[in-house]
Amino acid sequence: MSKILGALSGVIGFALIAFGIYALVATTAITDMTALDPRGVAGLNEARAIYAGSFWAMGGLILYGLGTPRFRQPLFLAVGVIFAGFVVARIISIAMDGYAPILSASIGSEVVAALILIAASRTAPISSV
């Protein structure tokens, strides 16, 4: 079980880094997908900082945790809780503003990532992935 969770955590880590790269080079595609409208240089800079920077950091923490068993538990738990925080904020926002079907993919992927990472943080160290 822990090898499966470790492998899935690795996929999440690499996917986050890849998404961060995409956010850096195709910023308007990301902001269009998220229905955000960055204005001018400062808006694009903010979108890149938020999406590329945070996704690289989270992906890097996961991959570092995979390679460093003694830090794995707190790193996986931290990134899992961040994803859970995204979900809670989305639910609150839906209660405040209503629901749009485009949110399903984001909510679904964030729930899955949170569950996998939190579960992986609770398993014994993974000997190899």
C-alpha atoms as a PDB file:
ATOM      1  CA  MET A   1       0.000   0.000   0.000  1.00  0.00           C
ATOM      2  CA  SER A   2       2.722   2.485   0.867  1.00  0.00           C
ATOM      3  CA  LYS A   3       4.483   1.871  -2.461  1.00  0.00           C
ATOM      4  CA  ILE A   4       1.290   2.697  -4.335  1.00  0.00           C
ATOM      5  CA  LEU A   5       0.791   5.857  -2.280  1.00  0.00           C
ATOM      6  CA  GLY A   6       4.435   6.768  -2.815  1.00  0.00           C
ATOM      7  CA  ALA A   7       4.127   6.297  -6.559  1.00  0.00           C
ATOM      8  CA  LEU A   8       0.918   8.344  -6.670  1.00  0.00           C
ATOM      9  CA  SER A   9       2.578  11.040  -4.557  1.00  0.00           C
ATOM     10  CA  GLY A  10       5.455  11.130  -7.041  1.00  0.00           C
ATOM     11  CA  VAL A  11       3.016  11.538  -9.921  1.00  0.00           C
ATOM     12  CA  ILE A  12       1.383  14.425  -8.059  1.00  0.00           C
ATOM     13  CA  GLY A  13       4.798  16.014  -7.434  1.00  0.00           C
ATOM     14  CA  PHE A  14       5.866  15.806 -11.072  1.00  0.00           C
ATOM     15  CA  ALA A  15       2.427  16.966 -12.257  1.00  0.00           C
ATOM     16  CA  LEU A  16       2.617  20.025 -10.010  1.00  0.00           C
ATOM     17  CA  ILE A  17       6.042  20.953 -11.354  1.00  0.00           C
ATOM     18  CA  ALA A  18       4.861  20.422 -14.940  1.00  0.00           C
ATOM     19  CA  PHE A  19       1.768  22.535 -14.304  1.00  0.00           C
ATOM     20  CA  GLY A  20       4.003  25.233 -12.817  1.00  0.00           C
ATOM     21  CA  ILE A  21       6.148  25.237 -15.964  1.00  0.00           C
ATOM     22  CA  TYR A  22       3.001  25.478 -18.079  1.00  0.00           C
ATOM     23  CA  ALA A  23       1.807  28.380 -15.912  1.00  0.00           C
ATOM     24  CA  LEU A  24       5.088  30.167 -16.504  1.00  0.00           C
ATOM     25  CA  VAL A  25       5.143  29.819 -20.286  1.00  0.00           C
ATOM     26  CA  ALA A  26       1.400  29.835 -21.022  1.00  0.00           C
ATOM     27  CA  THR A  27       0.140  32.134 -18.309  1.00  0.00           C
ATOM     28  CA  THR A  28      -2.900  33.396 -20.173  1.00  0.00           C
ATOM     29  CA  ALA A  29      -3.990  29.820 -20.906  1.00  0.00           C
ATOM     30  CA  ILE A  30      -3.952  29.146 -17.163  1.00  0.00           C
ATOM     31  CA  THR A  31      -5.745  32.363 -16.290  1.00  0.00           C
ATOM     32  CA  ASP A  32      -8.357  31.712 -18.996  1.00  0.00           C
ATOM     33  CA  MET A  33      -8.878  28.205 -17.589  1.00  0.00           C
ATOM     34  CA  THR A  34      -9.308  29.620 -14.090  1.00  0.00           C
ATOM     35  CA  ALA A  35     -11.481  32.551 -15.221  1.00  0.00           C
ATOM     36  CA  LEU A  36      -8.971  35.081 -13.889  1.00  0.00           C
ATOM     37  CA  ASP A  37      -8.192  38.260 -15.820  1.00  0.00           C
ATOM     38  CA  PRO A  38      -4.665  39.513 -15.140  1.00  0.00           C
ATOM     39  CA  ARG A  39      -4.186  43.109 -16.168  1.00  0.00           C
ATOM     40  CA  GLY A  40      -0.871  44.241 -17.570  1.00  0.00           C
ATOM     41  CA  VAL A  41       2.608  43.244 -16.516  1.00  0.00           C
ATOM     42  CA  ALA A  42       1.781  43.223 -12.800  1.00  0.00           C
ATOM     43  CA  GLY A  43      -1.221  40.925 -13.319  1.00  0.00           C
ATOM     44  CA  LEU A  44       0.771  38.454 -15.400  1.00  0.00           C
ATOM     45  CA  ASN A  45       3.599  38.569 -12.881  1.00  0.00           C
ATOM     46  CA  GLU A  46       1.176  37.822 -10.047  1.00  0.00           C
ATOM     47  CA  ALA A  47      -0.402  34.915 -11.934  1.00  0.00           C
ATOM     48  CA  ARG A  48       3.016  33.430 -12.672  1.00  0.00           C
ATOM     49  CA  ALA A  49       4.190  33.893  -9.102  1.00  0.00           C
ATOM     50  CA  ILE A  50       1.082  32.267  -7.640  1.00  0.00           C
ATOM     51  CA  TYR A  51       0.702  29.378 -10.069  1.00  0.00           C
ATOM     52  CA  ALA A  52       4.283  28.618 -11.070  1.00  0.00           C
ATOM     53  CA  GLY A  53       5.862  29.410  -7.722  1.00  0.00           C
ATOM     54  CA  SER A  54       3.403  27.620  -5.468  1.00  0.00           C
ATOM     55  CA  PHE A  55       3.081  24.564  -7.698  1.00  0.00           C
ATOM     56  CA  TRP A  56       6.856  24.226  -8.050  1.00  0.00           C
ATOM     57  CA  ALA A  57       7.251  24.543  -4.300  1.00  0.00           C
ATOM     58  CA  MET A  58       4.582  21.955  -3.518  1.00  0.00           C
ATOM     59  CA  GLY A  59       5.867  19.562  -6.173  1.00  0.00           C
ATOM     60  CA  GLY A  60       9.433  20.023  -4.959  1.00  0.00           C
ATOM     61  CA  LEU A  61       8.435  19.318  -1.360  1.00  0.00           C
ATOM     62  CA  ILE A  62       6.726  16.094  -2.413  1.00  0.00           C
ATOM     63  CA  LEU A  63       9.712  14.931  -4.474  1.00  0.00           C
ATOM     64  CA  TYR A  64      12.116  15.895  -1.686  1.00  0.00           C
ATOM     65  CA  GLY A  65       9.972  13.915   0.737  1.00  0.00           C
ATOM     66  CA  LEU A  66      10.111  10.880  -1.543  1.00  0.00           C
ATOM     67  CA  GLY A  67      13.895  11.017  -1.496  1.00  0.00           C
ATOM     68  CA  THR A  68      14.228  11.838   2.205  1.00  0.00           C
ATOM     69  CA  PRO A  69      12.264   9.354   4.355  1.00  0.00           C
ATOM     70  CA  ARG A  70      12.761  11.192   7.630  1.00  0.00           C
ATOM     71  CA  PHE A  71      11.058  14.324   6.219  1.00  0.00           C
ATOM     72  CA  ARG A  72       8.424  12.497   4.165  1.00  0.00           C
ATOM     73  CA  GLN A  73       5.651  12.466   6.754  1.00  0.00           C
ATOM     74  CA  PRO A  74       5.612  16.183   7.586  1.00  0.00           C
ATOM     75  CA  LEU A  75       6.139  17.270   3.964  1.00  0.00           C
ATOM     76  CA  PHE A  76       3.383  15.052   2.557  1.00  0.00           C
ATOM     77  CA  LEU A  77       1.078  16.110   5.379  1.00  0.00           C
ATOM     78  CA  ALA A  78       1.827  19.803   4.786  1.00  0.00           C
ATOM     79  CA  VAL A  79       1.141  19.672   1.044  1.00  0.00           C
ATOM     80  CA  GLY A  80      -1.929  17.483   1.626  1.00  0.00           C
ATOM     81  CA  VAL A  81      -3.294  20.034   4.094  1.00  0.00           C
ATOM     82  CA  ILE A  82      -2.648  22.828   1.576  1.00  0.00           C
ATOM     83  CA  PHE A  83      -4.759  20.938  -0.964  1.00  0.00           C
ATOM     84  CA  ALA A  84      -7.442  20.357   1.677  1.00  0.00           C
ATOM     85  CA  GLY A  85      -7.365  24.103   2.341  1.00  0.00           C
ATOM     86  CA  PHE A  86      -8.007  24.749  -1.350  1.00  0.00           C
ATOM     87  CA  VAL A  87     -11.060  22.472  -1.147  1.00  0.00           C
ATOM     88  CA  VAL A  88     -12.428  24.148   1.981  1.00  0.00           C
ATOM     89  CA  ALA A  89     -11.994  27.597   0.430  1.00  0.00           C
ATOM     90  CA  ARG A  90     -13.736  26.421  -2.757  1.00  0.00           C
ATOM     91  CA  ILE A  91     -16.674  25.048  -0.757  1.00  0.00           C
ATOM     92  CA  ILE A  92     -16.992  28.332   1.133  1.00  0.00           C
ATOM     93  CA  SER A  93     -16.795  30.232  -2.151  1.00  0.00           C
ATOM     94  CA  ILE A  94     -19.485  28.012  -3.691  1.00  0.00           C
ATOM     95  CA  ALA A  95     -21.712  28.726  -0.684  1.00  0.00           C
ATOM     96  CA  MET A  96     -21.103  32.451  -1.127  1.00  0.00           C
ATOM     97  CA  ASP A  97     -21.175  32.773  -4.921  1.00  0.00           C
ATOM     98  CA  GLY A  98     -22.765  29.655  -6.391  1.00  0.00           C
ATOM     99  CA  TYR A  99     -21.417  26.718  -8.363  1.00  0.00           C
ATOM    100  CA  ALA A 100     -20.034  26.589 -11.893  1.00  0.00           C
ATOM    101  CA  PRO A 101     -19.462  23.176 -13.519  1.00  0.00           C
ATOM    102  CA  ILE A 102     -15.924  24.177 -14.524  1.00  0.00           C
ATOM    103  CA  LEU A 103     -15.018  23.905 -10.816  1.00  0.00           C
ATOM    104  CA  SER A 104     -15.560  20.133 -10.785  1.00  0.00           C
ATOM    105  CA  ALA A 105     -12.140  19.267 -12.200  1.00  0.00           C
ATOM    106  CA  SER A 106     -10.315  21.536  -9.759  1.00  0.00           C
ATOM    107  CA  ILE A 107     -12.247  20.342  -6.732  1.00  0.00           C
ATOM    108  CA  GLY A 108     -11.931  16.701  -7.763  1.00  0.00           C
ATOM    109  CA  SER A 109      -8.199  16.845  -8.360  1.00  0.00           C
ATOM    110  CA  GLU A 110      -7.602  18.743  -5.123  1.00  0.00           C
ATOM    111  CA  VAL A 111      -9.646  16.256  -3.076  1.00  0.00           C
ATOM    112  CA  VAL A 112      -7.757  13.336  -4.627  1.00  0.00           C
ATOM    113  CA  ALA A 113      -4.362  14.984  -4.063  1.00  0.00           C
ATOM    114  CA  ALA A 114      -5.235  15.823  -0.450  1.00  0.00           C
ATOM    115  CA  LEU A 115      -6.416  12.284   0.292  1.00  0.00           C
ATOM    116  CA  ILE A 116      -3.408  10.625  -1.341  1.00  0.00           C
ATOM    117  CA  LEU A 117      -0.837  12.876   0.317  1.00  0.00           C
ATOM    118  CA  ILE A 118      -2.431  12.740   3.760  1.00  0.00           C
ATOM    119  CA  ALA A 119      -2.766   8.953   3.516  1.00  0.00           C
ATOM    120  CA  ALA A 120       0.843   8.672   2.304  1.00  0.00           C
ATOM    121  CA  SER A 121       1.963  10.762   5.267  1.00  0.00           C
ATOM    122  CA  ARG A 122       0.402   8.198   7.580  1.00  0.00           C
ATOM    123  CA  THR A 123       2.113   5.112   6.149  1.00  0.00           C
ATOM    124  CA  ALA A 124       5.478   3.658   7.026  1.00  0.00           C
ATOM    125  CA  PRO A 125       8.454   5.091   5.107  1.00  0.00           C
ATOM    126  CA  ILE A 126       8.632   3.918   1.511  1.00  0.00           C
ATOM    127  CA  SER A 127      11.805   1.936   0.884  1.00  0.00           C
ATOM    128  CA  SER A 128      11.846   2.583  -2.846  1.00  0.00           C
ATOM    129  CA  VAL A 129       9.471   4.068  -5.373  1.00  0.00           C
END
